[in-house]
Amino acid sequence: MISKNGNSHKADRGLLRIEELLLHFRTTKGVVQAVDRVDFELNYNEAVVIIGESGCGKSSMARAVLRLLPRNVDAYSGRVYLKDMEIMGLEDEKFRQDIRWSRISMVPQAAMNALNPVMKVGDQVAEPAIVHLGYSKQEAMKQARLMFEHVGVPVDFLNRYAFELSGGMRQRAAIAMALVTSPDLIILDEPTSALDVLTQANIFNLLKRVKKEMETSFILITHDIATSSELADRVAVMYAGQIVEVGHARDFFAEPLHPYANMLMASVPRLRGDTEPDFIVGQPPSLLDPPSGCRFADRCPKRFNQCSDEPPVFKIDDRQVKCWLHV
């Protein structure tokens, strides 16, 4: 990372630190560079929202952190620190037992459909505490009841099956399952994508309350820029497998630095004012063969000669941007 005075920058260490994370997949058409040398940090009791177009690598980055990898992995490398402990070097079984779900949990995409239809919801919510924390069934069910109270699900729903719950209640149950081990970090992948607007608002209010009461950190992956602004402490923008901007939410929403982020914000409909939503011309580059230089250059209205070289990450105050305009 390069600061404005040209010196290298070493950020203060927080809850999670990712360095040079890389994840490529083999396909019949070639190697997909889904996550390409990503650096990222998350502080304690912080919510970071990751936004970007479909296929930019947001979900792949989350799965890389949790080692939820498919069989067609071509390359997987980098360093991931959790409270200064390097967890990429852990053996798979130790990572599964000590990290995944016990310290970093996840609410996956389409979480409403992830619940087992033939198991009672309470048994599913309690299971991570039994498997990862060694709780007895009685202790785990007590913890599950507590989590149901936290997320606003009636305790008697513990004895129901998933098909007996509404979409919003199933989503709350999935969040309770992620909370049951009291993890340091929860990664939420499009947690409200299949919900109506009112239920989405209720879920985000729930997440804000959980963050405050349980001092939990969140990484929220979403397309819903407007709604996610209610939860975000910081915003990270991902494009073509790389993070191109990171900044505090109040600064980002007021004035994005990267041209892509600026155009992304301009595409959001406004409740007030006469400004029509804009659109981003062109298509994202194929991750089978990403272009050299700036990956947004072909679509960027501010492109100039230096964009043919890949920009480093520049630090401006407490913000970061991968763009030659800010050299």
C-alpha atoms as a PDB file:
ATOM      1  CA  MET A   1       0.000   0.000   0.000  1.00  0.00           C
ATOM      2  CA  ILE A   2       1.301   3.454  -0.895  1.00  0.00           C
ATOM      3  CA  SER A   3       0.426   6.595   1.043  1.00  0.00           C
ATOM      4  CA  LYS A   4       0.299  10.083  -0.439  1.00  0.00           C
ATOM      5  CA  ASN A   5       3.844  10.808   0.684  1.00  0.00           C
ATOM      6  CA  GLY A   6       5.103   7.676  -1.072  1.00  0.00           C
ATOM      7  CA  ASN A   7       5.911   5.711   2.081  1.00  0.00           C
ATOM      8  CA  SER A   8       4.665   2.218   2.712  1.00  0.00           C
ATOM      9  CA  HIS A   9       1.776   1.989   5.166  1.00  0.00           C
ATOM     10  CA  LYS A  10       1.318  -0.581   7.892  1.00  0.00           C
ATOM     11  CA  ALA A  11      -2.215  -0.549   9.256  1.00  0.00           C
ATOM     12  CA  ASP A  12      -3.030  -1.243  12.867  1.00  0.00           C
ATOM     13  CA  ARG A  13      -3.953  -4.847  13.424  1.00  0.00           C
ATOM     14  CA  GLY A  14      -7.618  -5.578  14.056  1.00  0.00           C
ATOM     15  CA  LEU A  15      -9.819  -8.656  14.264  1.00  0.00           C
ATOM     16  CA  LEU A  16      -9.217  -9.996  10.741  1.00  0.00           C
ATOM     17  CA  ARG A  17      -6.423  -9.270   8.298  1.00  0.00           C
ATOM     18  CA  ILE A  18      -6.182 -10.731   4.796  1.00  0.00           C
ATOM     19  CA  GLU A  19      -3.008 -10.412   2.753  1.00  0.00           C
ATOM     20  CA  GLU A  20      -2.507 -11.387  -0.885  1.00  0.00           C
ATOM     21  CA  LEU A  21      -5.492 -13.754  -0.864  1.00  0.00           C
ATOM     22  CA  LEU A  22      -5.767 -15.633  -4.139  1.00  0.00           C
ATOM     23  CA  LEU A  23      -8.339 -18.175  -5.298  1.00  0.00           C
ATOM     24  CA  HIS A  24      -8.514 -19.524  -8.859  1.00  0.00           C
ATOM     25  CA  PHE A  25     -10.817 -22.212 -10.236  1.00  0.00           C
ATOM     26  CA  ARG A  26     -10.336 -24.696 -13.075  1.00  0.00           C
ATOM     27  CA  THR A  27     -13.148 -24.794 -15.621  1.00  0.00           C
ATOM     28  CA  THR A  28     -13.640 -26.350 -19.035  1.00  0.00           C
ATOM     29  CA  LYS A  29     -12.899 -22.945 -20.583  1.00  0.00           C
ATOM     30  CA  GLY A  30      -9.770 -22.213 -18.549  1.00  0.00           C
ATOM     31  CA  VAL A  31      -8.753 -20.875 -15.137  1.00  0.00           C
ATOM     32  CA  VAL A  32     -11.097 -18.346 -13.489  1.00  0.00           C
ATOM     33  CA  GLN A  33      -9.186 -15.818 -11.364  1.00  0.00           C
ATOM     34  CA  ALA A  34     -12.047 -15.308  -8.900  1.00  0.00           C
ATOM     35  CA  VAL A  35     -10.019 -13.655  -6.121  1.00  0.00           C
ATOM     36  CA  ASP A  36      -6.745 -12.043  -7.151  1.00  0.00           C
ATOM     37  CA  ARG A  37      -4.283 -10.787  -4.506  1.00  0.00           C
ATOM     38  CA  VAL A  38      -6.852  -9.248  -2.182  1.00  0.00           C
ATOM     39  CA  ASP A  39      -5.814  -7.303   0.933  1.00  0.00           C
ATOM     40  CA  PHE A  40      -8.502  -6.564   3.477  1.00  0.00           C
ATOM     41  CA  GLU A  41      -8.903  -5.697   7.172  1.00  0.00           C
ATOM     42  CA  LEU A  42     -11.741  -5.815   9.670  1.00  0.00           C
ATOM     43  CA  ASN A  43     -11.720  -4.198  13.104  1.00  0.00           C
ATOM     44  CA  TYR A  44     -13.378  -5.354  16.302  1.00  0.00           C
ATOM     45  CA  ASN A  45     -17.144  -4.777  16.545  1.00  0.00           C
ATOM     46  CA  GLU A  46     -17.235  -3.464  12.975  1.00  0.00           C
ATOM     47  CA  ALA A  47     -19.518  -4.105  10.014  1.00  0.00           C
ATOM     48  CA  VAL A  48     -17.879  -3.958   6.593  1.00  0.00           C
ATOM     49  CA  VAL A  49     -20.139  -4.109   3.544  1.00  0.00           C
ATOM     50  CA  ILE A  50     -18.644  -5.545   0.347  1.00  0.00           C
ATOM     51  CA  ILE A  51     -20.395  -4.416  -2.831  1.00  0.00           C
ATOM     52  CA  GLY A  52     -19.861  -5.017  -6.533  1.00  0.00           C
ATOM     53  CA  GLU A  53     -21.440  -6.540  -9.606  1.00  0.00           C
ATOM     54  CA  SER A  54     -22.323 -10.225  -9.822  1.00  0.00           C
ATOM     55  CA  GLY A  55     -19.301 -12.398 -10.538  1.00  0.00           C
ATOM     56  CA  CYS A  56     -16.734  -9.956  -9.133  1.00  0.00           C
ATOM     57  CA  GLY A  57     -15.507 -12.428  -6.492  1.00  0.00           C
ATOM     58  CA  LYS A  58     -17.333 -11.320  -3.328  1.00  0.00           C
ATOM     59  CA  SER A  59     -18.705 -14.744  -2.378  1.00  0.00           C
ATOM     60  CA  SER A  60     -15.512 -16.490  -3.504  1.00  0.00           C
ATOM     61  CA  MET A  61     -13.498 -14.291  -1.133  1.00  0.00           C
ATOM     62  CA  ALA A  62     -15.771 -15.240   1.768  1.00  0.00           C
ATOM     63  CA  ARG A  63     -15.472 -18.919   0.952  1.00  0.00           C
ATOM     64  CA  ALA A  64     -11.706 -18.593   0.657  1.00  0.00           C
ATOM     65  CA  VAL A  65     -11.540 -17.194   4.194  1.00  0.00           C
ATOM     66  CA  LEU A  66     -13.653 -20.081   5.518  1.00  0.00           C
ATOM     67  CA  ARG A  67     -12.023 -22.732   3.280  1.00  0.00           C
ATOM     68  CA  LEU A  68     -15.396 -23.719   1.870  1.00  0.00           C
ATOM     69  CA  LEU A  69     -13.798 -24.633  -1.424  1.00  0.00           C
ATOM     70  CA  PRO A  70     -15.089 -26.662  -4.374  1.00  0.00           C
ATOM     71  CA  ARG A  71     -13.078 -29.489  -5.892  1.00  0.00           C
ATOM     72  CA  ASN A  72     -11.963 -27.522  -8.934  1.00  0.00           C
ATOM     73  CA  VAL A  73      -9.557 -25.190  -7.088  1.00  0.00           C
ATOM     74  CA  ASP A  74      -6.541 -24.397  -9.261  1.00  0.00           C
ATOM     75  CA  ALA A  75      -4.686 -22.021  -6.907  1.00  0.00           C
ATOM     76  CA  TYR A  76      -5.336 -21.014  -3.308  1.00  0.00           C
ATOM     77  CA  SER A  77      -2.829 -18.946  -1.343  1.00  0.00           C
ATOM     78  CA  GLY A  78      -2.322 -15.912   0.864  1.00  0.00           C
ATOM     79  CA  ARG A  79      -2.319 -15.120   4.561  1.00  0.00           C
ATOM     80  CA  VAL A  80      -5.331 -14.738   6.840  1.00  0.00           C
ATOM     81  CA  TYR A  81      -4.861 -13.530  10.409  1.00  0.00           C
ATOM     82  CA  LEU A  82      -7.564 -13.800  13.060  1.00  0.00           C
ATOM     83  CA  LYS A  83      -6.565 -11.799  16.158  1.00  0.00           C
ATOM     84  CA  ASP A  84      -2.953 -12.030  14.896  1.00  0.00           C
ATOM     85  CA  MET A  85      -3.097 -15.836  14.599  1.00  0.00           C
ATOM     86  CA  GLU A  86      -2.270 -16.965  11.064  1.00  0.00           C
ATOM     87  CA  ILE A  87      -5.058 -19.424  10.217  1.00  0.00           C
ATOM     88  CA  MET A  88      -4.228 -20.290   6.597  1.00  0.00           C
ATOM     89  CA  GLY A  89      -1.443 -22.565   7.817  1.00  0.00           C
ATOM     90  CA  LEU A  90      -3.686 -24.629  10.077  1.00  0.00           C
ATOM     91  CA  GLU A  91      -4.377 -28.228   9.122  1.00  0.00           C
ATOM     92  CA  ASP A  92      -7.857 -28.779   7.702  1.00  0.00           C
ATOM     93  CA  GLU A  93      -9.214 -30.655  10.715  1.00  0.00           C
ATOM     94  CA  LYS A  94      -7.911 -28.099  13.216  1.00  0.00           C
ATOM     95  CA  PHE A  95      -9.341 -25.283  11.072  1.00  0.00           C
ATOM     96  CA  ARG A  96     -12.709 -27.039  10.939  1.00  0.00           C
ATOM     97  CA  GLN A  97     -12.778 -27.607  14.680  1.00  0.00           C
ATOM     98  CA  ASP A  98     -11.249 -24.392  16.016  1.00  0.00           C
ATOM     99  CA  ILE A  99     -12.037 -21.708  13.426  1.00  0.00           C
ATOM    100  CA  ARG A 100     -14.921 -22.445  11.092  1.00  0.00           C
ATOM    101  CA  TRP A 101     -18.201 -21.800  12.852  1.00  0.00           C
ATOM    102  CA  SER A 102     -16.660 -21.551  16.324  1.00  0.00           C
ATOM    103  CA  ARG A 103     -14.843 -18.259  15.615  1.00  0.00           C
ATOM    104  CA  ILE A 104     -15.968 -17.370  12.072  1.00  0.00           C
ATOM    105  CA  SER A 105     -19.462 -18.391  11.023  1.00  0.00           C
ATOM    106  CA  MET A 106     -21.464 -17.742   7.889  1.00  0.00           C
ATOM    107  CA  VAL A 107     -25.009 -17.072   6.781  1.00  0.00           C
ATOM    108  CA  PRO A 108     -24.856 -18.379   3.195  1.00  0.00           C
ATOM    109  CA  GLN A 109     -26.687 -17.156   0.135  1.00  0.00           C
ATOM    110  CA  ALA A 110     -30.250 -18.543   0.028  1.00  0.00           C
ATOM    111  CA  ALA A 111     -29.927 -19.319   3.743  1.00  0.00           C
ATOM    112  CA  MET A 112     -33.705 -19.694   3.964  1.00  0.00           C
ATOM    113  CA  ASN A 113     -33.406 -22.852   1.874  1.00  0.00           C
ATOM    114  CA  ALA A 114     -30.332 -24.163   3.710  1.00  0.00           C
ATOM    115  CA  LEU A 115     -32.286 -25.525   6.654  1.00  0.00           C
ATOM    116  CA  ASN A 116     -32.857 -29.287   6.662  1.00  0.00           C
ATOM    117  CA  PRO A 117     -36.591 -29.871   6.066  1.00  0.00           C
ATOM    118  CA  VAL A 118     -36.687 -33.131   8.086  1.00  0.00           C
ATOM    119  CA  MET A 119     -34.921 -31.797  11.198  1.00  0.00           C
ATOM    120  CA  LYS A 120     -36.488 -29.556  13.792  1.00  0.00           C
ATOM    121  CA  VAL A 121     -35.132 -26.024  13.590  1.00  0.00           C
ATOM    122  CA  GLY A 122     -33.956 -26.087  17.209  1.00  0.00           C
ATOM    123  CA  ASP A 123     -31.789 -29.163  16.602  1.00  0.00           C
ATOM    124  CA  GLN A 124     -30.148 -27.463  13.628  1.00  0.00           C
ATOM    125  CA  VAL A 125     -29.448 -24.243  15.513  1.00  0.00           C
ATOM    126  CA  ALA A 126     -28.007 -26.178  18.468  1.00  0.00           C
ATOM    127  CA  GLU A 127     -25.812 -28.481  16.368  1.00  0.00           C
ATOM    128  CA  PRO A 128     -22.806 -26.105  15.900  1.00  0.00           C
ATOM    129  CA  ALA A 129     -22.515 -25.698  19.685  1.00  0.00           C
ATOM    130  CA  ILE A 130     -22.459 -29.484  20.103  1.00  0.00           C
ATOM    131  CA  VAL A 131     -19.968 -30.137  17.292  1.00  0.00           C
ATOM    132  CA  HIS A 132     -17.590 -27.189  17.745  1.00  0.00           C
ATOM    133  CA  LEU A 133     -17.883 -26.255  21.419  1.00  0.00           C
ATOM    134  CA  GLY A 134     -18.467 -29.716  22.903  1.00  0.00           C
ATOM    135  CA  TYR A 135     -21.764 -28.727  24.533  1.00  0.00           C
ATOM    136  CA  SER A 136     -24.187 -31.366  25.701  1.00  0.00           C
ATOM    137  CA  LYS A 137     -27.540 -31.496  23.927  1.00  0.00           C
ATOM    138  CA  GLN A 138     -29.187 -29.791  26.910  1.00  0.00           C
ATOM    139  CA  GLU A 139     -26.587 -27.002  27.040  1.00  0.00           C
ATOM    140  CA  ALA A 140     -26.772 -26.484  23.290  1.00  0.00           C
ATOM    141  CA  MET A 141     -30.566 -26.218  23.309  1.00  0.00           C
ATOM    142  CA  LYS A 142     -30.336 -23.669  26.114  1.00  0.00           C
ATOM    143  CA  GLN A 143     -27.935 -21.635  23.975  1.00  0.00           C
ATOM    144  CA  ALA A 144     -30.250 -22.028  20.957  1.00  0.00           C
ATOM    145  CA  ARG A 145     -33.186 -20.672  22.991  1.00  0.00           C
ATOM    146  CA  LEU A 146     -31.063 -17.701  24.001  1.00  0.00           C
ATOM    147  CA  MET A 147     -30.143 -17.006  20.364  1.00  0.00           C
ATOM    148  CA  PHE A 148     -33.786 -17.274  19.305  1.00  0.00           C
ATOM    149  CA  GLU A 149     -34.607 -14.593  21.868  1.00  0.00           C
ATOM    150  CA  HIS A 150     -31.778 -12.422  20.505  1.00  0.00           C
ATOM    151  CA  VAL A 151     -33.022 -12.634  16.911  1.00  0.00           C
ATOM    152  CA  GLY A 152     -36.716 -12.264  17.737  1.00  0.00           C
ATOM    153  CA  VAL A 153     -37.966 -15.783  17.013  1.00  0.00           C
ATOM    154  CA  PRO A 154     -40.534 -17.259  19.445  1.00  0.00           C
ATOM    155  CA  VAL A 155     -38.873 -19.971  21.529  1.00  0.00           C
ATOM    156  CA  ASP A 156     -41.595 -22.501  20.715  1.00  0.00           C
ATOM    157  CA  PHE A 157     -40.373 -22.383  17.089  1.00  0.00           C
ATOM    158  CA  LEU A 158     -37.445 -24.533  18.231  1.00  0.00           C
ATOM    159  CA  ASN A 159     -39.777 -27.517  17.912  1.00  0.00           C
ATOM    160  CA  ARG A 160     -40.994 -26.614  14.423  1.00  0.00           C
ATOM    161  CA  TYR A 161     -39.697 -27.625  11.012  1.00  0.00           C
ATOM    162  CA  ALA A 162     -38.347 -25.139   8.497  1.00  0.00           C
ATOM    163  CA  PHE A 163     -41.411 -25.353   6.230  1.00  0.00           C
ATOM    164  CA  GLU A 164     -43.565 -24.173   9.148  1.00  0.00           C
ATOM    165  CA  LEU A 165     -41.661 -20.859   9.344  1.00  0.00           C
ATOM    166  CA  SER A 166     -42.090 -17.809   7.139  1.00  0.00           C
ATOM    167  CA  GLY A 167     -39.197 -16.634   4.972  1.00  0.00           C
ATOM    168  CA  GLY A 168     -38.245 -13.936   7.444  1.00  0.00           C
ATOM    169  CA  MET A 169     -38.344 -16.353  10.385  1.00  0.00           C
ATOM    170  CA  ARG A 170     -36.203 -18.896   8.519  1.00  0.00           C
ATOM    171  CA  GLN A 171     -33.681 -16.160   7.847  1.00  0.00           C
ATOM    172  CA  ARG A 172     -33.655 -15.211  11.532  1.00  0.00           C
ATOM    173  CA  ALA A 173     -33.167 -18.887  12.428  1.00  0.00           C
ATOM    174  CA  ALA A 174     -30.168 -19.027  10.057  1.00  0.00           C
ATOM    175  CA  ILE A 175     -28.700 -15.973  11.795  1.00  0.00           C
ATOM    176  CA  ALA A 176     -29.335 -17.618  15.193  1.00  0.00           C
ATOM    177  CA  MET A 177     -27.421 -20.673  13.958  1.00  0.00           C
ATOM    178  CA  ALA A 178     -24.485 -18.451  13.008  1.00  0.00           C
ATOM    179  CA  LEU A 179     -24.584 -16.783  16.453  1.00  0.00           C
ATOM    180  CA  VAL A 180     -24.972 -19.887  18.602  1.00  0.00           C
ATOM    181  CA  THR A 181     -21.210 -20.378  19.106  1.00  0.00           C
ATOM    182  CA  SER A 182     -20.690 -16.654  19.892  1.00  0.00           C
ATOM    183  CA  PRO A 183     -18.161 -16.243  17.045  1.00  0.00           C
ATOM    184  CA  ASP A 184     -15.862 -13.248  16.641  1.00  0.00           C
ATOM    185  CA  LEU A 185     -17.035 -12.732  13.057  1.00  0.00           C
ATOM    186  CA  ILE A 186     -20.098 -13.546  10.974  1.00  0.00           C
ATOM    187  CA  ILE A 187     -19.982 -13.424   7.178  1.00  0.00           C
ATOM    188  CA  LEU A 188     -23.396 -12.783   5.622  1.00  0.00           C
ATOM    189  CA  ASP A 189     -23.722 -13.503   1.905  1.00  0.00           C
ATOM    190  CA  GLU A 190     -26.760 -11.698   0.455  1.00  0.00           C
ATOM    191  CA  PRO A 191     -28.814 -12.359   3.617  1.00  0.00           C
ATOM    192  CA  THR A 192     -31.921 -10.487   2.432  1.00  0.00           C
ATOM    193  CA  SER A 193     -31.926 -11.158  -1.321  1.00  0.00           C
ATOM    194  CA  ALA A 194     -35.140 -13.235  -1.331  1.00  0.00           C
ATOM    195  CA  LEU A 195     -37.098 -11.181   1.194  1.00  0.00           C
ATOM    196  CA  ASP A 196     -39.673  -8.437   0.779  1.00  0.00           C
ATOM    197  CA  VAL A 197     -38.669  -4.845   1.523  1.00  0.00           C
ATOM    198  CA  LEU A 198     -40.238  -4.698   5.001  1.00  0.00           C
ATOM    199  CA  THR A 199     -38.628  -7.981   6.078  1.00  0.00           C
ATOM    200  CA  GLN A 200     -35.277  -6.787   4.713  1.00  0.00           C
ATOM    201  CA  ALA A 201     -35.500  -3.686   6.894  1.00  0.00           C
ATOM    202  CA  ASN A 202     -36.371  -5.819   9.926  1.00  0.00           C
ATOM    203  CA  ILE A 203     -33.388  -8.117   9.309  1.00  0.00           C
ATOM    204  CA  PHE A 204     -30.986  -5.173   9.050  1.00  0.00           C
ATOM    205  CA  ASN A 205     -32.424  -3.688  12.256  1.00  0.00           C
ATOM    206  CA  LEU A 206     -31.848  -7.088  13.867  1.00  0.00           C
ATOM    207  CA  LEU A 207     -28.228  -7.161  12.703  1.00  0.00           C
ATOM    208  CA  LYS A 208     -27.614  -3.652  14.079  1.00  0.00           C
ATOM    209  CA  ARG A 209     -29.010  -4.714  17.435  1.00  0.00           C
ATOM    210  CA  VAL A 210     -26.972  -7.936  17.522  1.00  0.00           C
ATOM    211  CA  LYS A 211     -23.812  -6.004  16.650  1.00  0.00           C
ATOM    212  CA  LYS A 212     -24.419  -3.613  19.534  1.00  0.00           C
ATOM    213  CA  GLU A 213     -25.536  -6.147  22.152  1.00  0.00           C
ATOM    214  CA  MET A 214     -23.144  -9.011  21.352  1.00  0.00           C
ATOM    215  CA  GLU A 215     -20.228  -6.907  20.012  1.00  0.00           C
ATOM    216  CA  THR A 216     -20.065  -9.100  16.923  1.00  0.00           C
ATOM    217  CA  SER A 217     -18.245  -8.107  13.741  1.00  0.00           C
ATOM    218  CA  PHE A 218     -19.867  -8.582  10.337  1.00  0.00           C
ATOM    219  CA  ILE A 219     -18.774  -8.877   6.741  1.00  0.00           C
ATOM    220  CA  LEU A 220     -21.888  -8.266   4.665  1.00  0.00           C
ATOM    221  CA  ILE A 221     -21.819  -9.211   0.984  1.00  0.00           C
ATOM    222  CA  THR A 222     -24.662  -7.576  -0.903  1.00  0.00           C
ATOM    223  CA  HIS A 223     -25.975  -5.900  -4.047  1.00  0.00           C
ATOM    224  CA  ASP A 224     -28.373  -3.773  -2.009  1.00  0.00           C
ATOM    225  CA  ILE A 225     -26.287  -0.640  -1.541  1.00  0.00           C
ATOM    226  CA  ALA A 226     -29.100   1.503  -0.171  1.00  0.00           C
ATOM    227  CA  THR A 227     -30.298  -0.885   2.553  1.00  0.00           C
ATOM    228  CA  SER A 228     -26.799  -1.995   3.573  1.00  0.00           C
ATOM    229  CA  SER A 229     -25.852   1.608   4.337  1.00  0.00           C
ATOM    230  CA  GLU A 230     -27.891   1.262   7.528  1.00  0.00           C
ATOM    231  CA  LEU A 231     -25.442  -1.329   8.891  1.00  0.00           C
ATOM    232  CA  ALA A 232     -22.121  -0.354   7.331  1.00  0.00           C
ATOM    233  CA  ASP A 233     -19.251   1.115   9.319  1.00  0.00           C
ATOM    234  CA  ARG A 234     -16.974   0.774   6.293  1.00  0.00           C
ATOM    235  CA  VAL A 235     -17.525  -0.104   2.644  1.00  0.00           C
ATOM    236  CA  ALA A 236     -15.290  -2.183   0.370  1.00  0.00           C
ATOM    237  CA  VAL A 237     -15.847  -2.181  -3.397  1.00  0.00           C
ATOM    238  CA  MET A 238     -14.839  -5.251  -5.385  1.00  0.00           C
ATOM    239  CA  TYR A 239     -14.337  -5.373  -9.143  1.00  0.00           C
ATOM    240  CA  ALA A 240     -13.063  -8.225 -11.328  1.00  0.00           C
ATOM    241  CA  GLY A 241     -11.550 -10.176  -8.447  1.00  0.00           C
ATOM    242  CA  GLN A 242      -9.879  -7.204  -6.741  1.00  0.00           C
ATOM    243  CA  ILE A 243     -10.836  -4.724  -4.028  1.00  0.00           C
ATOM    244  CA  VAL A 244     -10.610  -1.266  -5.633  1.00  0.00           C
ATOM    245  CA  GLU A 245     -11.774   0.964  -2.775  1.00  0.00           C
ATOM    246  CA  VAL A 246     -12.198   0.803   1.005  1.00  0.00           C
ATOM    247  CA  GLY A 247     -13.386   3.647   3.190  1.00  0.00           C
ATOM    248  CA  HIS A 248     -15.564   4.710   6.080  1.00  0.00           C
ATOM    249  CA  ALA A 249     -19.245   4.561   5.163  1.00  0.00           C
ATOM    250  CA  ARG A 250     -19.878   8.254   5.787  1.00  0.00           C
ATOM    251  CA  ASP A 251     -17.023   9.198   3.425  1.00  0.00           C
ATOM    252  CA  PHE A 252     -17.820   6.596   0.802  1.00  0.00           C
ATOM    253  CA  PHE A 253     -21.514   7.358   0.464  1.00  0.00           C
ATOM    254  CA  ALA A 254     -20.798  11.092   0.365  1.00  0.00           C
ATOM    255  CA  GLU A 255     -17.991  10.907  -2.213  1.00  0.00           C
ATOM    256  CA  PRO A 256     -16.661   7.622  -3.652  1.00  0.00           C
ATOM    257  CA  LEU A 257     -13.064   7.865  -4.885  1.00  0.00           C
ATOM    258  CA  HIS A 258     -12.836   5.160  -7.542  1.00  0.00           C
ATOM    259  CA  PRO A 259     -14.627   5.854 -10.859  1.00  0.00           C
ATOM    260  CA  TYR A 260     -16.314   2.451 -10.684  1.00  0.00           C
ATOM    261  CA  ALA A 261     -17.575   3.112  -7.150  1.00  0.00           C
ATOM    262  CA  ASN A 262     -18.798   6.526  -8.227  1.00  0.00           C
ATOM    263  CA  MET A 263     -20.743   5.032 -11.137  1.00  0.00           C
ATOM    264  CA  LEU A 264     -22.073   2.256  -8.914  1.00  0.00           C
ATOM    265  CA  MET A 265     -23.500   4.815  -6.506  1.00  0.00           C
ATOM    266  CA  ALA A 266     -24.977   6.785  -9.414  1.00  0.00           C
ATOM    267  CA  SER A 267     -26.955   3.679 -10.425  1.00  0.00           C
ATOM    268  CA  VAL A 268     -28.875   3.614  -7.117  1.00  0.00           C
ATOM    269  CA  PRO A 269     -32.419   5.063  -7.339  1.00  0.00           C
ATOM    270  CA  ARG A 270     -33.044   8.096  -5.102  1.00  0.00           C
ATOM    271  CA  LEU A 271     -36.179   8.789  -3.106  1.00  0.00           C
ATOM    272  CA  ARG A 272     -35.559  12.522  -3.219  1.00  0.00           C
ATOM    273  CA  GLY A 273     -34.462  14.729  -6.092  1.00  0.00           C
ATOM    274  CA  ASP A 274     -34.976  14.560  -9.828  1.00  0.00           C
ATOM    275  CA  THR A 275     -31.767  12.697 -10.689  1.00  0.00           C
ATOM    276  CA  GLU A 276     -32.411   9.589 -12.766  1.00  0.00           C
ATOM    277  CA  PRO A 277     -30.386   6.436 -11.956  1.00  0.00           C
ATOM    278  CA  ASP A 278     -27.433   6.077 -14.301  1.00  0.00           C
ATOM    279  CA  PHE A 279     -25.964   2.858 -15.674  1.00  0.00           C
ATOM    280  CA  ILE A 280     -22.439   1.585 -16.210  1.00  0.00           C
ATOM    281  CA  VAL A 281     -21.724   0.990 -19.877  1.00  0.00           C
ATOM    282  CA  GLY A 282     -20.047  -2.197 -21.045  1.00  0.00           C
ATOM    283  CA  GLN A 283     -19.477  -5.502 -19.280  1.00  0.00           C
ATOM    284  CA  PRO A 284     -17.017  -6.567 -16.556  1.00  0.00           C
ATOM    285  CA  PRO A 285     -13.929  -8.294 -17.990  1.00  0.00           C
ATOM    286  CA  SER A 286     -13.809 -12.061 -18.129  1.00  0.00           C
ATOM    287  CA  LEU A 287     -11.970 -13.508 -15.143  1.00  0.00           C
ATOM    288  CA  LEU A 288     -10.701 -16.230 -17.476  1.00  0.00           C
ATOM    289  CA  ASP A 289      -8.349 -13.641 -18.954  1.00  0.00           C
ATOM    290  CA  PRO A 290      -8.398 -10.364 -16.983  1.00  0.00           C
ATOM    291  CA  PRO A 291      -6.843  -7.384 -18.769  1.00  0.00           C
ATOM    292  CA  SER A 292      -3.456  -6.041 -17.749  1.00  0.00           C
ATOM    293  CA  GLY A 293      -3.413  -2.624 -16.144  1.00  0.00           C
ATOM    294  CA  CYS A 294      -6.522  -1.251 -14.473  1.00  0.00           C
ATOM    295  CA  ARG A 295      -9.326  -3.786 -14.860  1.00  0.00           C
ATOM    296  CA  PHE A 296     -11.963  -1.067 -15.068  1.00  0.00           C
ATOM    297  CA  ALA A 297     -10.128   0.952 -17.725  1.00  0.00           C
ATOM    298  CA  ASP A 298     -12.222  -0.195 -20.713  1.00  0.00           C
ATOM    299  CA  ARG A 299     -15.408   1.081 -19.041  1.00  0.00           C
ATOM    300  CA  CYS A 300     -13.960   4.123 -17.310  1.00  0.00           C
ATOM    301  CA  PRO A 301     -14.845   7.625 -18.585  1.00  0.00           C
ATOM    302  CA  LYS A 302     -11.693   9.005 -16.903  1.00  0.00           C
ATOM    303  CA  ARG A 303      -9.233   6.637 -18.531  1.00  0.00           C
ATOM    304  CA  PHE A 304      -5.793   8.010 -19.476  1.00  0.00           C
ATOM    305  CA  ASN A 305      -2.454   6.583 -20.621  1.00  0.00           C
ATOM    306  CA  GLN A 306      -1.199   5.388 -17.229  1.00  0.00           C
ATOM    307  CA  CYS A 307      -4.246   3.139 -16.845  1.00  0.00           C
ATOM    308  CA  SER A 308      -2.490   0.587 -19.060  1.00  0.00           C
ATOM    309  CA  ASP A 309      -0.331  -0.167 -15.983  1.00  0.00           C
ATOM    310  CA  GLU A 310      -1.895  -1.817 -12.959  1.00  0.00           C
ATOM    311  CA  PRO A 311      -2.332   0.779 -10.181  1.00  0.00           C
ATOM    312  CA  PRO A 312      -1.171   0.080  -6.638  1.00  0.00           C
ATOM    313  CA  VAL A 313      -3.419   0.755  -3.662  1.00  0.00           C
ATOM    314  CA  PHE A 314      -3.096   4.389  -2.592  1.00  0.00           C
ATOM    315  CA  LYS A 315      -3.938   5.504   0.946  1.00  0.00           C
ATOM    316  CA  ILE A 316      -5.707   8.839   1.369  1.00  0.00           C
ATOM    317  CA  ASP A 317      -6.246   9.632   5.041  1.00  0.00           C
ATOM    318  CA  ASP A 318      -8.087   6.525   6.302  1.00  0.00           C
ATOM    319  CA  ARG A 319      -9.294   5.500   2.836  1.00  0.00           C
ATOM    320  CA  GLN A 320      -7.765   3.230   0.196  1.00  0.00           C
ATOM    321  CA  VAL A 321      -8.242   3.315  -3.549  1.00  0.00           C
ATOM    322  CA  LYS A 322      -6.730   1.378  -6.429  1.00  0.00           C
ATOM    323  CA  CYS A 323      -6.694   4.081  -9.111  1.00  0.00           C
ATOM    324  CA  TRP A 324      -4.059   6.224 -10.845  1.00  0.00           C
ATOM    325  CA  LEU A 325      -6.244   9.321 -10.452  1.00  0.00           C
ATOM    326  CA  HIS A 326      -5.167   9.451  -6.820  1.00  0.00           C
ATOM    327  CA  VAL A 327      -1.417   9.081  -7.243  1.00  0.00           C
END
